[in-house]
PDB file of all heavy atoms in Angstrom:
ATOM      1  N   ALA A   1      27.511 -17.992 -37.049  1.00  0.00           N
ATOM      2  CA  ALA A   1      27.469 -19.136 -37.959  1.00  0.00           C
ATOM      3  C   ALA A   1      26.023 -19.457 -38.322  1.00  0.00           C
ATOM      4  O   ALA A   1      25.081 -18.985 -37.681  1.00  0.00           O
ATOM      5  CB  ALA A   1      28.131 -20.355 -37.307  1.00  0.00           C
ATOM      6  N   ASP A   2      25.880 -20.277 -39.355  1.00  0.00           N
ATOM      7  CA  ASP A   2      24.576 -20.844 -39.700  1.00  0.00           C
ATOM      8  C   ASP A   2      24.374 -22.039 -38.771  1.00  0.00           C
ATOM      9  O   ASP A   2      24.711 -23.175 -39.110  1.00  0.00           O
ATOM     10  CB  ASP A   2      24.557 -21.266 -41.168  1.00  0.00           C
ATOM     11  CG  ASP A   2      23.214 -21.838 -41.600  1.00  0.00           C
ATOM     12  OD1 ASP A   2      22.354 -22.128 -40.732  1.00  0.00           O
ATOM     13  OD2 ASP A   2      23.013 -22.027 -42.824  1.00  0.00           O
ATOM     14  N   THR A   3      23.858 -21.775 -37.602  1.00  0.00           N
ATOM     15  CA  THR A   3      23.781 -22.822 -36.591  1.00  0.00           C
ATOM     16  C   THR A   3      22.750 -23.893 -36.930  1.00  0.00           C
ATOM     17  O   THR A   3      22.881 -25.034 -36.488  1.00  0.00           O
ATOM     18  CB  THR A   3      23.477 -22.218 -35.211  1.00  0.00           C
ATOM     19  OG1 THR A   3      22.230 -21.539 -35.245  1.00  0.00           O
ATOM     20  CG2 THR A   3      24.587 -21.247 -34.794  1.00  0.00           C
ATOM     21  N   ILE A   4      21.723 -23.537 -37.694  1.00  0.00           N
ATOM     22  CA  ILE A   4      20.741 -24.541 -38.110  1.00  0.00           C
ATOM     23  C   ILE A   4      21.438 -25.615 -38.944  1.00  0.00           C
ATOM     24  O   ILE A   4      21.219 -26.818 -38.747  1.00  0.00           O
ATOM     25  CB  ILE A   4      19.592 -23.886 -38.892  1.00  0.00           C
ATOM     26  CG1 ILE A   4      18.821 -22.925 -37.982  1.00  0.00           C
ATOM     27  CG2 ILE A   4      18.642 -24.953 -39.459  1.00  0.00           C
ATOM     28  CD1 ILE A   4      17.800 -22.073 -38.700  1.00  0.00           C
ATOM     29  N   LEU A   5      22.306 -25.172 -39.850  1.00  0.00           N
ATOM     30  CA  LEU A   5      23.080 -26.116 -40.651  1.00  0.00           C
ATOM     31  C   LEU A   5      24.029 -26.923 -39.772  1.00  0.00           C
ATOM     32  O   LEU A   5      24.123 -28.146 -39.909  1.00  0.00           O
ATOM     33  CB  LEU A   5      23.869 -25.361 -41.726  1.00  0.00           C
ATOM     34  CG  LEU A   5      24.770 -26.202 -42.637  1.00  0.00           C
ATOM     35  CD1 LEU A   5      23.930 -27.193 -43.445  1.00  0.00           C
ATOM     36  CD2 LEU A   5      25.589 -25.307 -43.569  1.00  0.00           C
ATOM     37  N   LEU A   6      24.738 -26.254 -38.857  1.00  0.00           N
ATOM     38  CA  LEU A   6      25.694 -26.938 -37.992  1.00  0.00           C
ATOM     39  C   LEU A   6      25.028 -28.025 -37.155  1.00  0.00           C
ATOM     40  O   LEU A   6      25.539 -29.146 -37.049  1.00  0.00           O
ATOM     41  CB  LEU A   6      26.381 -25.935 -37.061  1.00  0.00           C
ATOM     42  CG  LEU A   6      27.389 -24.966 -37.665  1.00  0.00           C
ATOM     43  CD1 LEU A   6      27.942 -24.057 -36.570  1.00  0.00           C
ATOM     44  CD2 LEU A   6      28.510 -25.711 -38.358  1.00  0.00           C
ATOM     45  N   VAL A   7      23.895 -27.695 -36.555  1.00  0.00           N
ATOM     46  CA  VAL A   7      23.201 -28.646 -35.683  1.00  0.00           C
ATOM     47  C   VAL A   7      22.733 -29.859 -36.478  1.00  0.00           C
ATOM     48  O   VAL A   7      22.908 -31.008 -36.057  1.00  0.00           O
ATOM     49  CB  VAL A   7      22.019 -27.966 -34.981  1.00  0.00           C
ATOM     50  CG1 VAL A   7      21.188 -29.002 -34.221  1.00  0.00           C
ATOM     51  CG2 VAL A   7      22.496 -26.879 -34.030  1.00  0.00           C
ATOM     52  N   ASN A   8      22.149 -29.626 -37.642  1.00  0.00           N
ATOM     53  CA  ASN A   8      21.644 -30.740 -38.437  1.00  0.00           C
ATOM     54  C   ASN A   8      22.762 -31.574 -39.060  1.00  0.00           C
ATOM     55  O   ASN A   8      22.605 -32.784 -39.233  1.00  0.00           O
ATOM     56  CB  ASN A   8      20.672 -30.227 -39.500  1.00  0.00           C
ATOM     57  CG  ASN A   8      19.291 -29.914 -38.917  1.00  0.00           C
ATOM     58  OD1 ASN A   8      18.469 -30.813 -38.736  1.00  0.00           O
ATOM     59  ND2 ASN A   8      19.041 -28.642 -38.607  1.00  0.00           N
ATOM     60  N   GLU A   9      23.889 -30.954 -39.359  1.00  0.00           N
ATOM     61  CA  GLU A   9      25.054 -31.725 -39.799  1.00  0.00           C
ATOM     62  C   GLU A   9      25.547 -32.635 -38.679  1.00  0.00           C
ATOM     63  O   GLU A   9      25.965 -33.765 -38.931  1.00  0.00           O
ATOM     64  CB  GLU A   9      26.170 -30.780 -40.247  1.00  0.00           C
ATOM     65  CG  GLU A   9      25.939 -30.154 -41.613  1.00  0.00           C
ATOM     66  CD  GLU A   9      27.083 -29.239 -42.033  1.00  0.00           C
ATOM     67  OE1 GLU A   9      27.875 -28.814 -41.159  1.00  0.00           O
ATOM     68  OE2 GLU A   9      27.183 -28.941 -43.245  1.00  0.00           O
ATOM     69  N   GLU A  10      25.509 -32.131 -37.472  1.00  0.00           N
ATOM     70  CA  GLU A  10      25.934 -32.923 -36.323  1.00  0.00           C
ATOM     71  C   GLU A  10      25.030 -34.141 -36.148  1.00  0.00           C
ATOM     72  O   GLU A  10      25.508 -35.254 -35.912  1.00  0.00           O
ATOM     73  CB  GLU A  10      25.903 -32.054 -35.065  1.00  0.00           C
ATOM     74  CG  GLU A  10      26.795 -32.534 -33.940  1.00  0.00           C
ATOM     75  CD  GLU A  10      28.261 -32.237 -34.175  1.00  0.00           C
ATOM     76  OE1 GLU A  10      28.600 -31.609 -35.208  1.00  0.00           O
ATOM     77  OE2 GLU A  10      29.074 -32.619 -33.327  1.00  0.00           O
ATOM     78  N   LEU A  11      23.732 -33.943 -36.273  1.00  0.00           N
ATOM     79  CA  LEU A  11      22.792 -35.052 -36.166  1.00  0.00           C
ATOM     80  C   LEU A  11      22.958 -36.039 -37.314  1.00  0.00           C
ATOM     81  O   LEU A  11      22.893 -37.260 -37.115  1.00  0.00           O
ATOM     82  CB  LEU A  11      21.361 -34.516 -36.126  1.00  0.00           C
ATOM     83  CG  LEU A  11      20.969 -33.730 -34.865  1.00  0.00           C
ATOM     84  CD1 LEU A  11      19.612 -33.060 -35.053  1.00  0.00           C
ATOM     85  CD2 LEU A  11      20.947 -34.616 -33.633  1.00  0.00           C
ATOM     86  N   SER A  12      23.185 -35.535 -38.516  1.00  0.00           N
ATOM     87  CA  SER A  12      23.378 -36.396 -39.686  1.00  0.00           C
ATOM     88  C   SER A  12      24.633 -37.246 -39.562  1.00  0.00           C
ATOM     89  O   SER A  12      24.696 -38.359 -40.090  1.00  0.00           O
ATOM     90  CB  SER A  12      23.457 -35.555 -40.962  1.00  0.00           C
ATOM     91  OG  SER A  12      22.238 -34.878 -41.204  1.00  0.00           O
ATOM     92  N   ALA A  13      25.620 -36.724 -38.835  1.00  0.00           N
ATOM     93  CA  ALA A  13      26.865 -37.461 -38.614  1.00  0.00           C
ATOM     94  C   ALA A  13      26.747 -38.461 -37.464  1.00  0.00           C
ATOM     95  O   ALA A  13      27.761 -39.056 -37.058  1.00  0.00           O
ATOM     96  CB  ALA A  13      28.001 -36.487 -38.345  1.00  0.00           C
ATOM     97  N   LYS A  14      25.532 -38.629 -36.939  1.00  0.00           N
ATOM     98  CA  LYS A  14      25.258 -39.587 -35.865  1.00  0.00           C
ATOM     99  C   LYS A  14      25.935 -39.211 -34.550  1.00  0.00           C
ATOM    100  O   LYS A  14      26.278 -40.069 -33.743  1.00  0.00           O
ATOM    101  CB  LYS A  14      25.664 -41.013 -36.276  1.00  0.00           C
ATOM    102  CG  LYS A  14      25.080 -41.484 -37.591  1.00  0.00           C
ATOM    103  CD  LYS A  14      23.562 -41.492 -37.556  1.00  0.00           C
ATOM    104  CE  LYS A  14      22.978 -41.993 -38.878  1.00  0.00           C
ATOM    105  NZ  LYS A  14      21.490 -41.941 -38.899  1.00  0.00           N
ATOM    106  N   ARG A  15      26.109 -37.903 -34.349  1.00  0.00           N
ATOM    107  CA  ARG A  15      26.625 -37.412 -33.073  1.00  0.00           C
ATOM    108  C   ARG A  15      25.480 -36.819 -32.270  1.00  0.00           C
ATOM    109  O   ARG A  15      24.518 -36.294 -32.819  1.00  0.00           O
ATOM    110  CB  ARG A  15      27.738 -36.392 -33.300  1.00  0.00           C
ATOM    111  CG  ARG A  15      29.010 -37.007 -33.890  1.00  0.00           C
ATOM    112  CD  ARG A  15      30.139 -36.006 -33.909  1.00  0.00           C
ATOM    113  NE  ARG A  15      29.987 -35.019 -34.956  1.00  0.00           N
ATOM    114  CZ  ARG A  15      30.482 -35.121 -36.185  1.00  0.00           C
ATOM    115  NH1 ARG A  15      31.185 -36.201 -36.520  1.00  0.00           N
ATOM    116  NH2 ARG A  15      30.308 -34.166 -37.081  1.00  0.00           N
ATOM    117  N   ARG A  16      25.593 -36.891 -30.964  1.00  0.00           N
ATOM    118  CA  ARG A  16      24.499 -36.479 -30.093  1.00  0.00           C
ATOM    119  C   ARG A  16      24.537 -34.975 -29.820  1.00  0.00           C
ATOM    120  O   ARG A  16      25.598 -34.390 -29.590  1.00  0.00           O
ATOM    121  CB  ARG A  16      24.531 -37.241 -28.779  1.00  0.00           C
ATOM    122  CG  ARG A  16      24.187 -38.731 -28.944  1.00  0.00           C
ATOM    123  CD  ARG A  16      23.515 -39.280 -27.712  1.00  0.00           C
ATOM    124  NE  ARG A  16      22.217 -38.684 -27.464  1.00  0.00           N
ATOM    125  CZ  ARG A  16      21.041 -39.201 -27.831  1.00  0.00           C
ATOM    126  NH1 ARG A  16      21.017 -40.336 -28.453  1.00  0.00           N
ATOM    127  NH2 ARG A  16      19.910 -38.598 -27.540  1.00  0.00           N
ATOM    128  N   VAL A  17      23.343 -34.392 -29.825  1.00  0.00           N
ATOM    129  CA  VAL A  17      23.161 -32.962 -29.609  1.00  0.00           C
ATOM    130  C   VAL A  17      22.222 -32.760 -28.426  1.00  0.00           C
ATOM    131  O   VAL A  17      21.185 -33.416 -28.326  1.00  0.00           O
ATOM    132  CB  VAL A  17      22.585 -32.283 -30.871  1.00  0.00           C
ATOM    133  CG1 VAL A  17      22.243 -30.817 -30.582  1.00  0.00           C
ATOM    134  CG2 VAL A  17      23.573 -32.383 -32.037  1.00  0.00           C
ATOM    135  N   LEU A  18      22.596 -31.842 -27.545  1.00  0.00           N
ATOM    136  CA  LEU A  18      21.773 -31.509 -26.391  1.00  0.00           C
ATOM    137  C   LEU A  18      21.169 -30.131 -26.581  1.00  0.00           C
ATOM    138  O   LEU A  18      21.878 -29.166 -26.871  1.00  0.00           O
ATOM    139  CB  LEU A  18      22.617 -31.533 -25.111  1.00  0.00           C
ATOM    140  CG  LEU A  18      21.899 -31.229 -23.795  1.00  0.00           C
ATOM    141  CD1 LEU A  18      20.811 -32.259 -23.523  1.00  0.00           C
ATOM    142  CD2 LEU A  18      22.906 -31.212 -22.643  1.00  0.00           C
ATOM    143  N   LEU A  19      19.857 -30.019 -26.437  1.00  0.00           N
ATOM    144  CA  LEU A  19      19.141 -28.758 -26.591  1.00  0.00           C
ATOM    145  C   LEU A  19      18.765 -28.261 -25.194  1.00  0.00           C
ATOM    146  O   LEU A  19      18.014 -28.913 -24.468  1.00  0.00           O
ATOM    147  CB  LEU A  19      17.896 -28.954 -27.454  1.00  0.00           C
ATOM    148  CG  LEU A  19      18.149 -29.644 -28.813  1.00  0.00           C
ATOM    149  CD1 LEU A  19      16.837 -29.866 -29.556  1.00  0.00           C
ATOM    150  CD2 LEU A  19      19.118 -28.848 -29.669  1.00  0.00           C
ATOM    151  N   GLU A  20      19.287 -27.091 -24.834  1.00  0.00           N
ATOM    152  CA  GLU A  20      19.186 -26.577 -23.477  1.00  0.00           C
ATOM    153  C   GLU A  20      18.242 -25.379 -23.419  1.00  0.00           C
ATOM    154  O   GLU A  20      18.460 -24.371 -24.084  1.00  0.00           O
ATOM    155  CB  GLU A  20      20.578 -26.160 -22.979  1.00  0.00           C
ATOM    156  CG  GLU A  20      20.588 -25.506 -21.611  1.00  0.00           C
ATOM    157  CD  GLU A  20      21.943 -24.949 -21.226  1.00  0.00           C
ATOM    158  OE1 GLU A  20      22.805 -24.797 -22.097  1.00  0.00           O
ATOM    159  OE2 GLU A  20      22.139 -24.649 -20.027  1.00  0.00           O
ATOM    160  N   GLY A  21      17.209 -25.501 -22.595  1.00  0.00           N
ATOM    161  CA  GLY A  21      16.292 -24.388 -22.404  1.00  0.00           C
ATOM    162  C   GLY A  21      16.666 -23.539 -21.205  1.00  0.00           C
ATOM    163  O   GLY A  21      17.333 -23.999 -20.276  1.00  0.00           O
ATOM    164  N   ALA A  22      16.261 -22.289 -21.227  1.00  0.00           N
ATOM    165  CA  ALA A  22      16.377 -21.410 -20.067  1.00  0.00           C
ATOM    166  C   ALA A  22      14.996 -21.281 -19.430  1.00  0.00           C
ATOM    167  O   ALA A  22      13.993 -21.697 -19.997  1.00  0.00           O
ATOM    168  CB  ALA A  22      16.898 -20.045 -20.487  1.00  0.00           C
ATOM    169  N   GLN A  23      14.922 -20.715 -18.243  1.00  0.00           N
ATOM    170  CA  GLN A  23      13.657 -20.614 -17.512  1.00  0.00           C
ATOM    171  C   GLN A  23      12.985 -21.995 -17.410  1.00  0.00           C
ATOM    172  O   GLN A  23      13.678 -22.982 -17.243  1.00  0.00           O
ATOM    173  CB  GLN A  23      12.721 -19.581 -18.143  1.00  0.00           C
ATOM    174  CG  GLN A  23      13.220 -18.148 -17.983  1.00  0.00           C
ATOM    175  CD  GLN A  23      14.161 -17.729 -19.097  1.00  0.00           C
ATOM    176  OE1 GLN A  23      13.998 -18.036 -20.279  1.00  0.00           O
ATOM    177  NE2 GLN A  23      15.165 -17.015 -18.732  1.00  0.00           N
ATOM    178  N   ALA A  24      11.675 -22.082 -17.580  1.00  0.00           N
ATOM    179  CA  ALA A  24      11.019 -23.361 -17.324  1.00  0.00           C
ATOM    180  C   ALA A  24       9.582 -23.359 -17.822  1.00  0.00           C
ATOM    181  O   ALA A  24       9.057 -22.338 -18.271  1.00  0.00           O
ATOM    182  CB  ALA A  24      11.059 -23.671 -15.825  1.00  0.00           C
ATOM    183  N   THR A  25       8.936 -24.519 -17.682  1.00  0.00           N
ATOM    184  CA  THR A  25       7.589 -24.734 -18.203  1.00  0.00           C
ATOM    185  C   THR A  25       6.599 -23.684 -17.727  1.00  0.00           C
ATOM    186  O   THR A  25       5.810 -23.155 -18.516  1.00  0.00           O
ATOM    187  CB  THR A  25       7.096 -26.132 -17.803  1.00  0.00           C
ATOM    188  OG1 THR A  25       7.959 -27.127 -18.364  1.00  0.00           O
ATOM    189  CG2 THR A  25       5.667 -26.368 -18.286  1.00  0.00           C
ATOM    190  N   PHE A  26       6.612 -23.372 -16.423  1.00  0.00           N
ATOM    191  CA  PHE A  26       5.610 -22.466 -15.887  1.00  0.00           C
ATOM    192  C   PHE A  26       5.969 -20.992 -16.057  1.00  0.00           C
ATOM    193  O   PHE A  26       5.255 -20.115 -15.567  1.00  0.00           O
ATOM    194  CB  PHE A  26       5.307 -22.818 -14.428  1.00  0.00           C
ATOM    195  CG  PHE A  26       4.489 -24.066 -14.321  1.00  0.00           C
ATOM    196  CD1 PHE A  26       5.110 -25.302 -14.234  1.00  0.00           C
ATOM    197  CD2 PHE A  26       3.119 -24.025 -14.381  1.00  0.00           C
ATOM    198  CE1 PHE A  26       4.369 -26.475 -14.181  1.00  0.00           C
ATOM    199  CE2 PHE A  26       2.365 -25.182 -14.334  1.00  0.00           C
ATOM    200  CZ  PHE A  26       2.993 -26.411 -14.230  1.00  0.00           C
ATOM    201  N   LEU A  27       7.068 -20.746 -16.778  1.00  0.00           N
ATOM    202  CA  LEU A  27       7.390 -19.405 -17.241  1.00  0.00           C
ATOM    203  C   LEU A  27       7.210 -19.292 -18.750  1.00  0.00           C
ATOM    204  O   LEU A  27       7.529 -18.264 -19.339  1.00  0.00           O
ATOM    205  CB  LEU A  27       8.828 -19.035 -16.852  1.00  0.00           C
ATOM    206  CG  LEU A  27       9.088 -18.855 -15.351  1.00  0.00           C
ATOM    207  CD1 LEU A  27      10.570 -18.625 -15.103  1.00  0.00           C
ATOM    208  CD2 LEU A  27       8.271 -17.706 -14.785  1.00  0.00           C
ATOM    209  N   ASP A  28       6.692 -20.344 -19.366  1.00  0.00           N
ATOM    210  CA  ASP A  28       6.472 -20.345 -20.809  1.00  0.00           C
ATOM    211  C   ASP A  28       5.387 -19.340 -21.179  1.00  0.00           C
ATOM    212  O   ASP A  28       4.370 -19.221 -20.492  1.00  0.00           O
ATOM    213  CB  ASP A  28       6.076 -21.752 -21.267  1.00  0.00           C
ATOM    214  CG  ASP A  28       6.007 -21.884 -22.769  1.00  0.00           C
ATOM    215  OD1 ASP A  28       4.958 -21.511 -23.344  1.00  0.00           O
ATOM    216  OD2 ASP A  28       6.982 -22.363 -23.374  1.00  0.00           O
ATOM    217  N   LEU A  29       5.596 -18.628 -22.280  1.00  0.00           N
ATOM    218  CA  LEU A  29       4.668 -17.584 -22.707  1.00  0.00           C
ATOM    219  C   LEU A  29       3.268 -18.128 -22.953  1.00  0.00           C
ATOM    220  O   LEU A  29       2.270 -17.447 -22.698  1.00  0.00           O
ATOM    221  CB  LEU A  29       5.206 -16.902 -23.974  1.00  0.00           C
ATOM    222  CG  LEU A  29       4.416 -15.719 -24.537  1.00  0.00           C
ATOM    223  CD1 LEU A  29       4.308 -14.594 -23.530  1.00  0.00           C
ATOM    224  CD2 LEU A  29       5.072 -15.208 -25.829  1.00  0.00           C
ATOM    225  N   ASP A  30       3.150 -19.357 -23.441  1.00  0.00           N
ATOM    226  CA  ASP A  30       1.858 -19.948 -23.757  1.00  0.00           C
ATOM    227  C   ASP A  30       1.348 -20.904 -22.689  1.00  0.00           C
ATOM    228  O   ASP A  30       0.136 -21.031 -22.497  1.00  0.00           O
ATOM    229  CB  ASP A  30       1.928 -20.698 -25.091  1.00  0.00           C
ATOM    230  CG  ASP A  30       2.106 -19.764 -26.270  1.00  0.00           C
ATOM    231  OD1 ASP A  30       1.190 -18.995 -26.556  1.00  0.00           O
ATOM    232  OD2 ASP A  30       3.181 -19.789 -26.892  1.00  0.00           O
ATOM    233  N   TYR A  31       2.242 -21.590 -21.982  1.00  0.00           N
ATOM    234  CA  TYR A  31       1.844 -22.660 -21.068  1.00  0.00           C
ATOM    235  C   TYR A  31       2.076 -22.334 -19.599  1.00  0.00           C
ATOM    236  O   TYR A  31       1.703 -23.119 -18.732  1.00  0.00           O
ATOM    237  CB  TYR A  31       2.588 -23.952 -21.425  1.00  0.00           C
ATOM    238  CG  TYR A  31       2.293 -24.423 -22.821  1.00  0.00           C
ATOM    239  CD1 TYR A  31       3.215 -24.244 -23.851  1.00  0.00           C
ATOM    240  CD2 TYR A  31       1.085 -25.025 -23.131  1.00  0.00           C
ATOM    241  CE1 TYR A  31       2.940 -24.654 -25.138  1.00  0.00           C
ATOM    242  CE2 TYR A  31       0.804 -25.443 -24.417  1.00  0.00           C
ATOM    243  CZ  TYR A  31       1.733 -25.247 -25.416  1.00  0.00           C
ATOM    244  OH  TYR A  31       1.453 -25.664 -26.700  1.00  0.00           O
ATOM    245  N   GLY A  32       2.679 -21.179 -19.318  1.00  0.00           N
ATOM    246  CA  GLY A  32       2.992 -20.831 -17.951  1.00  0.00           C
ATOM    247  C   GLY A  32       1.892 -20.055 -17.256  1.00  0.00           C
ATOM    248  O   GLY A  32       0.770 -19.917 -17.762  1.00  0.00           O
ATOM    249  N   THR A  33       2.212 -19.532 -16.073  1.00  0.00           N
ATOM    250  CA  THR A  33       1.251 -18.783 -15.262  1.00  0.00           C
ATOM    251  C   THR A  33       1.194 -17.329 -15.741  1.00  0.00           C
ATOM    252  O   THR A  33       1.600 -16.402 -15.036  1.00  0.00           O
ATOM    253  CB  THR A  33       1.636 -18.864 -13.774  1.00  0.00           C
ATOM    254  OG1 THR A  33       3.035 -18.534 -13.605  1.00  0.00           O
ATOM    255  CG2 THR A  33       1.391 -20.259 -13.236  1.00  0.00           C
ATOM    256  N   TYR A  34       0.672 -17.164 -16.936  1.00  0.00           N
ATOM    257  CA  TYR A  34       0.552 -15.870 -17.593  1.00  0.00           C
ATOM    258  C   TYR A  34      -0.277 -14.892 -16.738  1.00  0.00           C
ATOM    259  O   TYR A  34      -1.267 -15.294 -16.141  1.00  0.00           O
ATOM    260  CB  TYR A  34      -0.129 -16.074 -18.954  1.00  0.00           C
ATOM    261  CG  TYR A  34      -0.137 -14.857 -19.847  1.00  0.00           C
ATOM    262  CD1 TYR A  34       0.897 -14.642 -20.761  1.00  0.00           C
ATOM    263  CD2 TYR A  34      -1.162 -13.943 -19.799  1.00  0.00           C
ATOM    264  CE1 TYR A  34       0.886 -13.532 -21.597  1.00  0.00           C
ATOM    265  CE2 TYR A  34      -1.167 -12.821 -20.615  1.00  0.00           C
ATOM    266  CZ  TYR A  34      -0.139 -12.630 -21.512  1.00  0.00           C
ATOM    267  OH  TYR A  34      -0.144 -11.530 -22.347  1.00  0.00           O
ATOM    268  N   PRO A  35       0.130 -13.607 -16.629  1.00  0.00           N
ATOM    269  CA  PRO A  35       1.214 -12.923 -17.341  1.00  0.00           C
ATOM    270  C   PRO A  35       2.569 -12.981 -16.647  1.00  0.00           C
ATOM    271  O   PRO A  35       3.510 -12.333 -17.102  1.00  0.00           O
ATOM    272  CB  PRO A  35       0.709 -11.482 -17.377  1.00  0.00           C
ATOM    273  CG  PRO A  35       0.006 -11.318 -16.069  1.00  0.00           C
ATOM    274  CD  PRO A  35      -0.665 -12.648 -15.812  1.00  0.00           C
ATOM    275  N   PHE A  36       2.664 -13.759 -15.567  1.00  0.00           N
ATOM    276  CA  PHE A  36       3.924 -13.840 -14.820  1.00  0.00           C
ATOM    277  C   PHE A  36       4.826 -14.898 -15.446  1.00  0.00           C
ATOM    278  O   PHE A  36       5.137 -15.932 -14.843  1.00  0.00           O
ATOM    279  CB  PHE A  36       3.637 -14.136 -13.351  1.00  0.00           C
ATOM    280  CG  PHE A  36       2.684 -13.148 -12.719  1.00  0.00           C
ATOM    281  CD1 PHE A  36       1.342 -13.448 -12.585  1.00  0.00           C
ATOM    282  CD2 PHE A  36       3.138 -11.917 -12.302  1.00  0.00           C
ATOM    283  CE1 PHE A  36       0.467 -12.534 -12.021  1.00  0.00           C
ATOM    284  CE2 PHE A  36       2.266 -10.995 -11.745  1.00  0.00           C
ATOM    285  CZ  PHE A  36       0.928 -11.298 -11.605  1.00  0.00           C
ATOM    286  N   VAL A  37       5.234 -14.600 -16.665  1.00  0.00           N
ATOM    287  CA  VAL A  37       5.986 -15.543 -17.486  1.00  0.00           C
ATOM    288  C   VAL A  37       7.118 -14.813 -18.195  1.00  0.00           C
ATOM    289  O   VAL A  37       7.246 -13.591 -18.111  1.00  0.00           O
ATOM    290  CB  VAL A  37       5.065 -16.220 -18.525  1.00  0.00           C
ATOM    291  CG1 VAL A  37       4.023 -17.094 -17.835  1.00  0.00           C
ATOM    292  CG2 VAL A  37       4.372 -15.175 -19.416  1.00  0.00           C
ATOM    293  N   THR A  38       7.941 -15.569 -18.891  1.00  0.00           N
ATOM    294  CA  THR A  38       8.954 -14.974 -19.751  1.00  0.00           C
ATOM    295  C   THR A  38       8.347 -14.729 -21.130  1.00  0.00           C
ATOM    296  O   THR A  38       7.154 -14.969 -21.344  1.00  0.00           O
ATOM    297  CB  THR A  38      10.203 -15.880 -19.814  1.00  0.00           C
ATOM    298  OG1 THR A  38      11.303 -15.158 -20.397  1.00  0.00           O
ATOM    299  CG2 THR A  38       9.931 -17.157 -20.618  1.00  0.00           C
ATOM    300  N   SER A  39       9.152 -14.267 -22.078  1.00  0.00           N
ATOM    301  CA  SER A  39       8.619 -13.858 -23.384  1.00  0.00           C
ATOM    302  C   SER A  39       8.953 -14.838 -24.496  1.00  0.00           C
ATOM    303  O   SER A  39       8.924 -14.484 -25.677  1.00  0.00           O
ATOM    304  CB  SER A  39       9.156 -12.461 -23.742  1.00  0.00           C
ATOM    305  OG  SER A  39       8.764 -11.515 -22.765  1.00  0.00           O
ATOM    306  N   SER A  40       9.256 -16.071 -24.126  1.00  0.00           N
ATOM    307  CA  SER A  40       9.595 -17.086 -25.122  1.00  0.00           C
ATOM    308  C   SER A  40       9.022 -18.417 -24.675  1.00  0.00           C
ATOM    309  O   SER A  40       8.254 -18.493 -23.710  1.00  0.00           O
ATOM    310  CB  SER A  40      11.115 -17.166 -25.313  1.00  0.00           C
ATOM    311  OG  SER A  40      11.772 -17.463 -24.082  1.00  0.00           O
TER     312      SER A  40
END
């Protein structure tokens, strides 16, 4: 699906959306303990 459209339609309809991350801050490609990090 066009999930960008779906998510923003949900927000426009005043319904709550939860954005779920995997891994964590210190595995972040830019902010983590590089190079022992993930790729996103």
